[in-house]
Amino acid sequence: MNMMGFAVCCLRCDEPDVAGSDRCRTCISSHSRTREKISGQALTKADRLSREFVTMLANPSAFNDDSTHGEMMTHYSALIDAHQGEAPATTIEEVVARFEEQRKKRKSSLIRDVANQNEWNDVELTEEQREEMLAKITGDRPRHVPSWEELLTEVEELLEEDEG
């Protein structure tokens, strides 16, 4: 109700403050219809005024500095806060625990979860398997790639030829 700008109704309601009760559902559906009616194009000054009031009521603390309505919005914010109660302060342990929880969660990805479902996804291929796959992809056998030792030996031979 607060997000719709109708929390004032909850402040005046004689029903126990139990989320999801029948009375709450009735009010929410009624206020949703009202929001839909005023969300259209404003044709009259009354339409604009009602939209402006609902905007202010949906986020009263944003209008505390308003020259005309600031004092009322501050009072309204205090009433809503008192009605909803105060949340206990968050401790550093709770914050750290929350970060750890988030870090452990695996982020879902459509590509990773669906498109990459193949038998080679988590398998380390041997050199022969890599060469075989490369040959299938390129259509020909790869040429021999010399190792570092072979290259160094070749360089040493060239240097010896230059010296001798």
N, C-alpha and C. Protein backbone atom coordinates (compact mmCIF):
# COMPACT_ATOMS: atom_id res chain seq x y z
N MET A 1 0.83 -1.19 0.00
CA MET A 1 0.00 0.00 0.00
C MET A 1 0.87 1.26 0.00
N ASN A 2 1.98 1.18 0.71
CA ASN A 2 2.86 2.34 0.78
C ASN A 2 3.40 2.70 -0.59
N MET A 3 3.79 1.68 -1.38
CA MET A 3 4.34 1.94 -2.71
C MET A 3 3.28 2.51 -3.65
N MET A 4 2.01 2.22 -3.38
CA MET A 4 0.94 2.77 -4.22
C MET A 4 0.54 4.16 -3.76
N GLY A 5 1.02 4.59 -2.58
CA GLY A 5 0.66 5.90 -2.07
C GLY A 5 -0.59 5.90 -1.24
N PHE A 6 -1.01 4.73 -0.77
CA PHE A 6 -2.25 4.64 0.01
C PHE A 6 -2.02 4.08 1.41
N ALA A 7 -0.83 4.27 1.96
CA ALA A 7 -0.54 3.76 3.30
C ALA A 7 -1.38 4.46 4.36
N VAL A 8 -1.87 5.66 4.03
CA VAL A 8 -2.72 6.38 4.98
C VAL A 8 -3.97 5.55 5.31
N CYS A 9 -4.43 4.76 4.38
CA CYS A 9 -5.59 3.90 4.62
C CYS A 9 -5.27 2.86 5.69
N CYS A 10 -4.07 2.33 5.65
CA CYS A 10 -3.66 1.34 6.66
C CYS A 10 -3.58 1.99 8.03
N LEU A 11 -3.19 3.26 8.09
CA LEU A 11 -3.10 3.96 9.37
C LEU A 11 -4.47 4.13 9.99
N ARG A 12 -5.50 4.27 9.18
CA ARG A 12 -6.86 4.51 9.67
C ARG A 12 -7.68 3.23 9.78
N CYS A 13 -7.14 2.10 9.32
CA CYS A 13 -7.90 0.85 9.28
C CYS A 13 -8.04 0.24 10.67
N ASP A 14 -9.24 -0.33 10.97
CA ASP A 14 -9.46 -0.97 12.26
C ASP A 14 -9.17 -2.47 12.23
N GLU A 15 -8.80 -2.98 11.07
CA GLU A 15 -8.46 -4.40 10.91
C GLU A 15 -7.06 -4.64 11.49
N PRO A 16 -6.85 -5.82 12.13
CA PRO A 16 -5.49 -6.13 12.59
C PRO A 16 -4.50 -6.10 11.42
N ASP A 17 -3.28 -5.66 11.69
CA ASP A 17 -2.28 -5.49 10.64
C ASP A 17 -1.64 -6.83 10.31
N VAL A 18 -2.38 -7.65 9.54
CA VAL A 18 -1.89 -8.96 9.13
C VAL A 18 -1.84 -8.96 7.60
N ALA A 19 -0.61 -9.06 7.08
CA ALA A 19 -0.46 -9.04 5.62
C ALA A 19 -1.17 -10.24 5.00
N GLY A 20 -1.87 -9.99 3.92
CA GLY A 20 -2.54 -11.07 3.19
C GLY A 20 -3.94 -11.37 3.68
N SER A 21 -4.45 -10.61 4.66
CA SER A 21 -5.81 -10.87 5.13
C SER A 21 -6.81 -10.46 4.04
N ASP A 22 -8.04 -10.94 4.18
CA ASP A 22 -9.07 -10.64 3.17
C ASP A 22 -9.30 -9.15 3.03
N ARG A 23 -9.33 -8.47 4.16
CA ARG A 23 -9.58 -7.02 4.12
C ARG A 23 -8.44 -6.31 3.39
N CYS A 24 -7.19 -6.74 3.65
CA CYS A 24 -6.04 -6.13 2.96
C CYS A 24 -6.14 -6.36 1.46
N ARG A 25 -6.51 -7.57 1.07
CA ARG A 25 -6.63 -7.87 -0.36
C ARG A 25 -7.69 -6.99 -1.02
N THR A 26 -8.81 -6.80 -0.33
CA THR A 26 -9.89 -5.96 -0.86
C THR A 26 -9.40 -4.54 -1.06
N CYS A 27 -8.72 -4.00 -0.04
CA CYS A 27 -8.21 -2.63 -0.14
C CYS A 27 -7.17 -2.51 -1.26
N ILE A 28 -6.27 -3.46 -1.33
CA ILE A 28 -5.21 -3.40 -2.34
C ILE A 28 -5.80 -3.44 -3.74
N SER A 29 -6.78 -4.32 -3.97
CA SER A 29 -7.37 -4.39 -5.31
C SER A 29 -8.12 -3.10 -5.64
N SER A 30 -8.81 -2.53 -4.64
CA SER A 30 -9.53 -1.28 -4.86
C SER A 30 -8.55 -0.15 -5.18
N HIS A 31 -7.47 -0.08 -4.42
CA HIS A 31 -6.49 0.99 -4.64
C HIS A 31 -5.71 0.79 -5.93
N SER A 32 -5.54 -0.46 -6.34
CA SER A 32 -4.88 -0.73 -7.62
C SER A 32 -5.73 -0.19 -8.76
N ARG A 33 -7.04 -0.39 -8.66
CA ARG A 33 -7.94 0.15 -9.69
C ARG A 33 -7.87 1.68 -9.71
N THR A 34 -7.82 2.28 -8.53
CA THR A 34 -7.71 3.74 -8.45
C THR A 34 -6.43 4.23 -9.10
N ARG A 35 -5.30 3.53 -8.81
CA ARG A 35 -4.02 3.91 -9.42
C ARG A 35 -4.09 3.81 -10.95
N GLU A 36 -4.76 2.76 -11.44
CA GLU A 36 -4.89 2.61 -12.90
C GLU A 36 -5.69 3.76 -13.50
N LYS A 37 -6.72 4.20 -12.79
CA LYS A 37 -7.55 5.30 -13.30
C LYS A 37 -6.75 6.59 -13.40
N ILE A 38 -5.93 6.87 -12.41
CA ILE A 38 -5.20 8.15 -12.43
C ILE A 38 -3.87 8.06 -13.18
N SER A 39 -3.50 6.87 -13.63
CA SER A 39 -2.22 6.74 -14.34
C SER A 39 -2.33 7.14 -15.81
N GLY A 40 -3.53 7.30 -16.29
CA GLY A 40 -3.71 7.72 -17.68
C GLY A 40 -3.35 9.18 -17.86
N GLN A 41 -3.58 9.69 -19.06
CA GLN A 41 -3.26 11.09 -19.35
C GLN A 41 -4.16 12.00 -18.53
N ALA A 42 -3.56 12.99 -17.88
CA ALA A 42 -4.32 13.94 -17.07
C ALA A 42 -5.03 14.93 -17.99
N LEU A 43 -6.36 14.92 -17.93
CA LEU A 43 -7.16 15.79 -18.79
C LEU A 43 -7.60 17.06 -18.08
N THR A 44 -7.74 16.98 -16.76
CA THR A 44 -8.20 18.14 -16.00
C THR A 44 -7.20 18.47 -14.90
N LYS A 45 -7.42 19.63 -14.27
CA LYS A 45 -6.56 20.01 -13.15
C LYS A 45 -6.72 19.03 -12.00
N ALA A 46 -7.92 18.51 -11.82
CA ALA A 46 -8.16 17.54 -10.75
C ALA A 46 -7.35 16.26 -10.99
N ASP A 47 -7.27 15.84 -12.25
CA ASP A 47 -6.46 14.66 -12.59
C ASP A 47 -5.00 14.90 -12.23
N ARG A 48 -4.49 16.07 -12.61
CA ARG A 48 -3.09 16.38 -12.32
C ARG A 48 -2.85 16.46 -10.81
N LEU A 49 -3.78 17.08 -10.10
CA LEU A 49 -3.65 17.23 -8.65
C LEU A 49 -3.68 15.87 -7.96
N SER A 50 -4.59 14.99 -8.39
CA SER A 50 -4.67 13.67 -7.76
C SER A 50 -3.39 12.88 -8.03
N ARG A 51 -2.87 12.98 -9.24
CA ARG A 51 -1.62 12.27 -9.57
C ARG A 51 -0.47 12.82 -8.72
N GLU A 52 -0.43 14.13 -8.56
CA GLU A 52 0.62 14.76 -7.76
C GLU A 52 0.54 14.32 -6.30
N PHE A 53 -0.67 14.27 -5.75
CA PHE A 53 -0.83 13.84 -4.36
C PHE A 53 -0.42 12.39 -4.16
N VAL A 54 -0.83 11.53 -5.07
CA VAL A 54 -0.48 10.11 -4.93
C VAL A 54 1.03 9.92 -5.06
N THR A 55 1.65 10.68 -5.95
CA THR A 55 3.11 10.62 -6.08
C THR A 55 3.77 11.02 -4.77
N MET A 56 3.27 12.07 -4.16
CA MET A 56 3.82 12.53 -2.89
C MET A 56 3.59 11.50 -1.78
N LEU A 57 2.41 10.91 -1.76
CA LEU A 57 2.10 9.94 -0.71
C LEU A 57 2.87 8.63 -0.88
N ALA A 58 3.23 8.29 -2.12
CA ALA A 58 3.98 7.05 -2.36
C ALA A 58 5.42 7.17 -1.85
N ASN A 59 5.96 8.39 -1.84
CA ASN A 59 7.34 8.59 -1.38
C ASN A 59 7.39 9.91 -0.60
N PRO A 60 6.79 9.94 0.59
CA PRO A 60 6.66 11.21 1.31
C PRO A 60 8.00 11.83 1.73
N SER A 61 8.99 11.02 2.02
CA SER A 61 10.27 11.59 2.48
C SER A 61 10.98 12.37 1.37
N ALA A 62 10.64 12.12 0.12
CA ALA A 62 11.24 12.87 -0.99
C ALA A 62 10.67 14.28 -1.08
N PHE A 63 9.58 14.54 -0.39
CA PHE A 63 8.93 15.85 -0.46
C PHE A 63 8.99 16.59 0.87
N ASN A 64 9.92 16.21 1.76
CA ASN A 64 10.07 16.88 3.06
C ASN A 64 10.46 18.34 2.89
N ASP A 65 11.16 18.67 1.82
CA ASP A 65 11.62 20.04 1.59
C ASP A 65 10.63 20.87 0.78
N ASP A 66 9.50 20.29 0.42
CA ASP A 66 8.50 21.00 -0.37
C ASP A 66 7.97 22.18 0.45
N SER A 67 7.93 23.37 -0.15
CA SER A 67 7.53 24.57 0.59
C SER A 67 6.07 24.52 1.04
N THR A 68 5.22 23.89 0.27
CA THR A 68 3.80 23.84 0.61
C THR A 68 3.45 22.64 1.47
N HIS A 69 3.94 21.44 1.09
CA HIS A 69 3.50 20.21 1.74
C HIS A 69 4.58 19.54 2.59
N GLY A 70 5.75 20.14 2.70
CA GLY A 70 6.87 19.51 3.39
C GLY A 70 6.58 19.10 4.82
N GLU A 71 5.95 20.00 5.58
CA GLU A 71 5.67 19.70 6.99
C GLU A 71 4.70 18.52 7.11
N MET A 72 3.69 18.49 6.26
CA MET A 72 2.72 17.39 6.28
C MET A 72 3.37 16.08 5.85
N MET A 73 4.26 16.13 4.85
CA MET A 73 4.94 14.91 4.39
C MET A 73 5.88 14.35 5.46
N THR A 74 6.52 15.24 6.22
CA THR A 74 7.38 14.80 7.33
C THR A 74 6.53 14.11 8.38
N HIS A 75 5.39 14.70 8.72
CA HIS A 75 4.48 14.10 9.70
C HIS A 75 3.95 12.76 9.19
N TYR A 76 3.59 12.72 7.92
CA TYR A 76 3.07 11.49 7.31
C TYR A 76 4.13 10.39 7.32
N SER A 77 5.36 10.74 7.00
CA SER A 77 6.46 9.76 7.04
C SER A 77 6.62 9.20 8.44
N ALA A 78 6.55 10.07 9.44
CA ALA A 78 6.69 9.63 10.83
C ALA A 78 5.55 8.68 11.22
N LEU A 79 4.33 8.99 10.78
CA LEU A 79 3.18 8.12 11.07
C LEU A 79 3.37 6.73 10.44
N ILE A 80 3.81 6.70 9.19
CA ILE A 80 4.01 5.42 8.50
C ILE A 80 5.11 4.62 9.19
N ASP A 81 6.21 5.30 9.52
CA ASP A 81 7.32 4.61 10.20
C ASP A 81 6.88 4.04 11.54
N ALA A 82 6.06 4.80 12.28
CA ALA A 82 5.58 4.33 13.57
C ALA A 82 4.64 3.14 13.39
N HIS A 83 3.83 3.19 12.34
CA HIS A 83 2.88 2.10 12.08
C HIS A 83 3.61 0.82 11.67
N GLN A 84 4.64 0.95 10.85
CA GLN A 84 5.36 -0.22 10.36
C GLN A 84 6.37 -0.74 11.38
N GLY A 85 6.69 0.06 12.38
CA GLY A 85 7.67 -0.37 13.37
C GLY A 85 9.08 -0.13 12.86
N GLU A 86 10.00 -0.20 13.78
CA GLU A 86 11.40 0.02 13.41
C GLU A 86 12.10 -1.31 13.27
N ALA A 87 12.87 -1.43 12.23
CA ALA A 87 13.65 -2.65 12.02
C ALA A 87 14.90 -2.57 12.89
N PRO A 88 15.30 -3.71 13.47
CA PRO A 88 16.52 -3.68 14.28
C PRO A 88 17.73 -3.37 13.40
N ALA A 89 18.71 -2.74 14.00
CA ALA A 89 19.91 -2.38 13.24
C ALA A 89 20.63 -3.64 12.76
N THR A 90 21.18 -3.57 11.58
CA THR A 90 21.91 -4.70 11.00
C THR A 90 23.31 -4.73 11.57
N THR A 91 23.72 -5.89 12.06
CA THR A 91 25.06 -6.02 12.63
C THR A 91 26.05 -6.37 11.54
N ILE A 92 27.33 -6.15 11.83
CA ILE A 92 28.37 -6.45 10.85
C ILE A 92 28.41 -7.95 10.56
N GLU A 93 28.09 -8.77 11.56
CA GLU A 93 28.07 -10.22 11.36
C GLU A 93 26.99 -10.60 10.35
N GLU A 94 25.83 -9.95 10.45
CA GLU A 94 24.75 -10.23 9.50
C GLU A 94 25.14 -9.81 8.09
N VAL A 95 25.83 -8.70 7.97
CA VAL A 95 26.26 -8.23 6.65
C VAL A 95 27.27 -9.20 6.06
N VAL A 96 28.26 -9.62 6.87
CA VAL A 96 29.28 -10.56 6.39
C VAL A 96 28.63 -11.88 6.00
N ALA A 97 27.69 -12.37 6.83
CA ALA A 97 27.00 -13.63 6.52
C ALA A 97 26.22 -13.50 5.22
N ARG A 98 25.60 -12.36 5.00
CA ARG A 98 24.83 -12.14 3.77
C ARG A 98 25.75 -12.15 2.54
N PHE A 99 26.92 -11.50 2.67
CA PHE A 99 27.88 -11.51 1.56
C PHE A 99 28.37 -12.91 1.27
N GLU A 100 28.64 -13.69 2.31
CA GLU A 100 29.10 -15.07 2.12
C GLU A 100 28.02 -15.90 1.42
N GLU A 101 26.79 -15.69 1.84
CA GLU A 101 25.65 -16.39 1.23
C GLU A 101 25.57 -16.07 -0.26
N GLN A 102 25.69 -14.79 -0.59
CA GLN A 102 25.63 -14.37 -1.99
C GLN A 102 26.80 -14.91 -2.79
N ARG A 103 27.98 -14.95 -2.16
CA ARG A 103 29.17 -15.44 -2.86
C ARG A 103 29.04 -16.92 -3.19
N LYS A 104 28.38 -17.68 -2.33
CA LYS A 104 28.25 -19.13 -2.53
C LYS A 104 27.19 -19.47 -3.57
N LYS A 105 26.25 -18.57 -3.80
CA LYS A 105 25.19 -18.84 -4.77
C LYS A 105 25.78 -18.88 -6.17
N ARG A 106 25.36 -19.83 -6.94
CA ARG A 106 25.80 -19.92 -8.33
C ARG A 106 24.88 -19.06 -9.17
N LYS A 107 25.46 -18.15 -9.89
CA LYS A 107 24.66 -17.28 -10.74
C LYS A 107 24.13 -18.08 -11.91
N SER A 108 22.85 -17.91 -12.18
CA SER A 108 22.27 -18.65 -13.30
C SER A 108 22.55 -17.91 -14.60
N SER A 109 22.80 -18.69 -15.62
CA SER A 109 23.06 -18.14 -16.95
C SER A 109 22.45 -19.10 -17.96
N LEU A 110 21.62 -18.57 -18.82
CA LEU A 110 20.97 -19.40 -19.82
C LEU A 110 22.00 -20.08 -20.70
N ILE A 111 23.03 -19.36 -21.07
CA ILE A 111 24.06 -19.95 -21.94
C ILE A 111 24.78 -21.07 -21.21
N ARG A 112 25.22 -20.80 -19.97
CA ARG A 112 25.98 -21.81 -19.23
C ARG A 112 25.09 -23.01 -18.88
N ASP A 113 23.86 -22.76 -18.48
CA ASP A 113 23.01 -23.84 -18.00
C ASP A 113 22.38 -24.67 -19.11
N VAL A 114 22.13 -24.08 -20.26
CA VAL A 114 21.43 -24.80 -21.32
C VAL A 114 22.34 -25.05 -22.53
N ALA A 115 22.91 -24.00 -23.06
CA ALA A 115 23.64 -24.13 -24.31
C ALA A 115 24.95 -24.89 -24.17
N ASN A 116 25.58 -24.84 -23.03
CA ASN A 116 26.86 -25.51 -22.85
C ASN A 116 26.74 -26.91 -22.25
N GLN A 117 25.64 -27.57 -22.46
CA GLN A 117 25.48 -28.92 -21.94
C GLN A 117 26.07 -29.90 -22.95
N ASN A 118 27.36 -30.13 -22.84
CA ASN A 118 28.00 -31.11 -23.71
C ASN A 118 28.95 -31.96 -22.88
N GLU A 119 29.35 -33.07 -23.44
CA GLU A 119 30.17 -34.02 -22.69
C GLU A 119 31.58 -33.50 -22.44
N TRP A 120 32.03 -32.49 -23.17
CA TRP A 120 33.40 -31.99 -23.04
C TRP A 120 33.49 -30.77 -22.14
N ASN A 121 32.39 -30.36 -21.57
CA ASN A 121 32.35 -29.12 -20.82
C ASN A 121 33.37 -29.06 -19.69
N ASP A 122 33.46 -30.07 -18.86
CA ASP A 122 34.36 -30.06 -17.71
C ASP A 122 35.48 -31.08 -17.82
N VAL A 123 35.83 -31.48 -19.03
CA VAL A 123 36.84 -32.52 -19.24
C VAL A 123 38.12 -31.88 -19.75
N GLU A 124 39.26 -32.23 -19.14
CA GLU A 124 40.56 -31.77 -19.62
C GLU A 124 41.02 -32.73 -20.70
N LEU A 125 41.19 -32.24 -21.91
CA LEU A 125 41.56 -33.10 -23.04
C LEU A 125 43.07 -33.35 -23.04
N THR A 126 43.43 -34.55 -23.50
CA THR A 126 44.85 -34.86 -23.67
C THR A 126 45.33 -34.19 -24.95
N GLU A 127 46.64 -34.19 -25.15
CA GLU A 127 47.20 -33.57 -26.36
C GLU A 127 46.71 -34.26 -27.62
N GLU A 128 46.62 -35.60 -27.58
CA GLU A 128 46.15 -36.34 -28.75
C GLU A 128 44.70 -36.00 -29.08
N GLN A 129 43.86 -35.89 -28.03
CA GLN A 129 42.46 -35.55 -28.26
C GLN A 129 42.32 -34.14 -28.85
N ARG A 130 43.13 -33.20 -28.34
CA ARG A 130 43.09 -31.84 -28.89
C ARG A 130 43.51 -31.83 -30.36
N GLU A 131 44.57 -32.59 -30.66
CA GLU A 131 45.05 -32.66 -32.05
C GLU A 131 43.98 -33.27 -32.95
N GLU A 132 43.31 -34.31 -32.44
CA GLU A 132 42.27 -34.98 -33.23
C GLU A 132 41.10 -34.03 -33.49
N MET A 133 40.68 -33.28 -32.45
CA MET A 133 39.58 -32.33 -32.62
C MET A 133 39.98 -31.21 -33.58
N LEU A 134 41.21 -30.73 -33.47
CA LEU A 134 41.68 -29.69 -34.36
C LEU A 134 41.69 -30.17 -35.81
N ALA A 135 42.10 -31.42 -36.00
CA ALA A 135 42.12 -31.99 -37.36
C ALA A 135 40.70 -32.09 -37.91
N LYS A 136 39.73 -32.45 -37.06
CA LYS A 136 38.34 -32.54 -37.52
C LYS A 136 37.78 -31.16 -37.87
N ILE A 137 38.18 -30.16 -37.11
CA ILE A 137 37.67 -28.81 -37.35
C ILE A 137 38.29 -28.21 -38.60
N THR A 138 39.61 -28.31 -38.71
CA THR A 138 40.31 -27.66 -39.83
C THR A 138 40.34 -28.52 -41.08
N GLY A 139 40.17 -29.82 -40.92
CA GLY A 139 40.15 -30.71 -42.07
C GLY A 139 41.51 -31.27 -42.44
N ASP A 140 42.57 -30.87 -41.77
CA ASP A 140 43.89 -31.45 -42.06
C ASP A 140 44.67 -31.62 -40.76
N ARG A 141 45.67 -32.45 -40.82
CA ARG A 141 46.51 -32.71 -39.65
C ARG A 141 47.40 -31.50 -39.38
N PRO A 142 47.54 -31.11 -38.14
CA PRO A 142 48.42 -29.98 -37.83
C PRO A 142 49.88 -30.37 -38.03
N ARG A 143 50.66 -29.39 -38.44
CA ARG A 143 52.08 -29.67 -38.62
C ARG A 143 52.74 -29.79 -37.26
N HIS A 144 53.94 -30.35 -37.26
CA HIS A 144 54.67 -30.55 -36.01
C HIS A 144 55.10 -29.18 -35.45
N VAL A 145 54.74 -28.93 -34.20
CA VAL A 145 55.15 -27.70 -33.53
C VAL A 145 56.31 -28.06 -32.61
N PRO A 146 57.48 -27.50 -32.83
CA PRO A 146 58.65 -27.87 -32.03
C PRO A 146 58.52 -27.39 -30.59
N SER A 147 59.12 -28.16 -29.68
CA SER A 147 59.13 -27.78 -28.26
C SER A 147 60.21 -26.73 -28.03
N TRP A 148 60.24 -26.17 -26.83
CA TRP A 148 61.25 -25.16 -26.50
C TRP A 148 62.66 -25.75 -26.60
N GLU A 149 62.77 -26.99 -26.12
CA GLU A 149 64.10 -27.62 -26.16
C GLU A 149 64.58 -27.77 -27.60
N GLU A 150 63.69 -28.18 -28.48
CA GLU A 150 64.07 -28.32 -29.89
C GLU A 150 64.47 -26.97 -30.49
N LEU A 151 63.73 -25.93 -30.15
CA LEU A 151 64.04 -24.60 -30.66
C LEU A 151 65.39 -24.10 -30.13
N LEU A 152 65.64 -24.32 -28.83
CA LEU A 152 66.91 -23.89 -28.24
C LEU A 152 68.09 -24.64 -28.85
N THR A 153 67.90 -25.93 -29.08
CA THR A 153 68.96 -26.72 -29.71
C THR A 153 69.25 -26.18 -31.10
N GLU A 154 68.21 -25.86 -31.83
CA GLU A 154 68.37 -25.31 -33.18
C GLU A 154 69.10 -23.97 -33.15
N VAL A 155 68.77 -23.12 -32.16
CA VAL A 155 69.42 -21.83 -32.03
C VAL A 155 70.90 -22.01 -31.69
N GLU A 156 71.18 -22.95 -30.78
CA GLU A 156 72.57 -23.22 -30.41
C GLU A 156 73.37 -23.68 -31.62
N GLU A 157 72.79 -24.53 -32.43
CA GLU A 157 73.47 -25.01 -33.64
C GLU A 157 73.78 -23.85 -34.59
N LEU A 158 72.81 -22.93 -34.73
CA LEU A 158 73.02 -21.78 -35.60
C LEU A 158 74.14 -20.88 -35.07
N LEU A 159 74.16 -20.70 -33.75
CA LEU A 159 75.20 -19.87 -33.14
C LEU A 159 76.58 -20.50 -33.32
N GLU A 160 76.64 -21.83 -33.17
CA GLU A 160 77.92 -22.53 -33.35
C GLU A 160 78.41 -22.41 -34.79
N GLU A 161 77.48 -22.47 -35.74
CA GLU A 161 77.85 -22.33 -37.16
C GLU A 161 78.42 -20.94 -37.43
N ASP A 162 77.81 -19.92 -36.80
CA ASP A 162 78.28 -18.54 -37.00
C ASP A 162 79.67 -18.34 -36.41
N GLU A 163 79.94 -18.99 -35.27
CA GLU A 163 81.23 -18.84 -34.60
C GLU A 163 82.33 -19.61 -35.34
N GLY A 164 81.98 -20.73 -35.89
CA GLY A 164 82.98 -21.63 -36.48
C GLY A 164 83.33 -21.36 -37.87
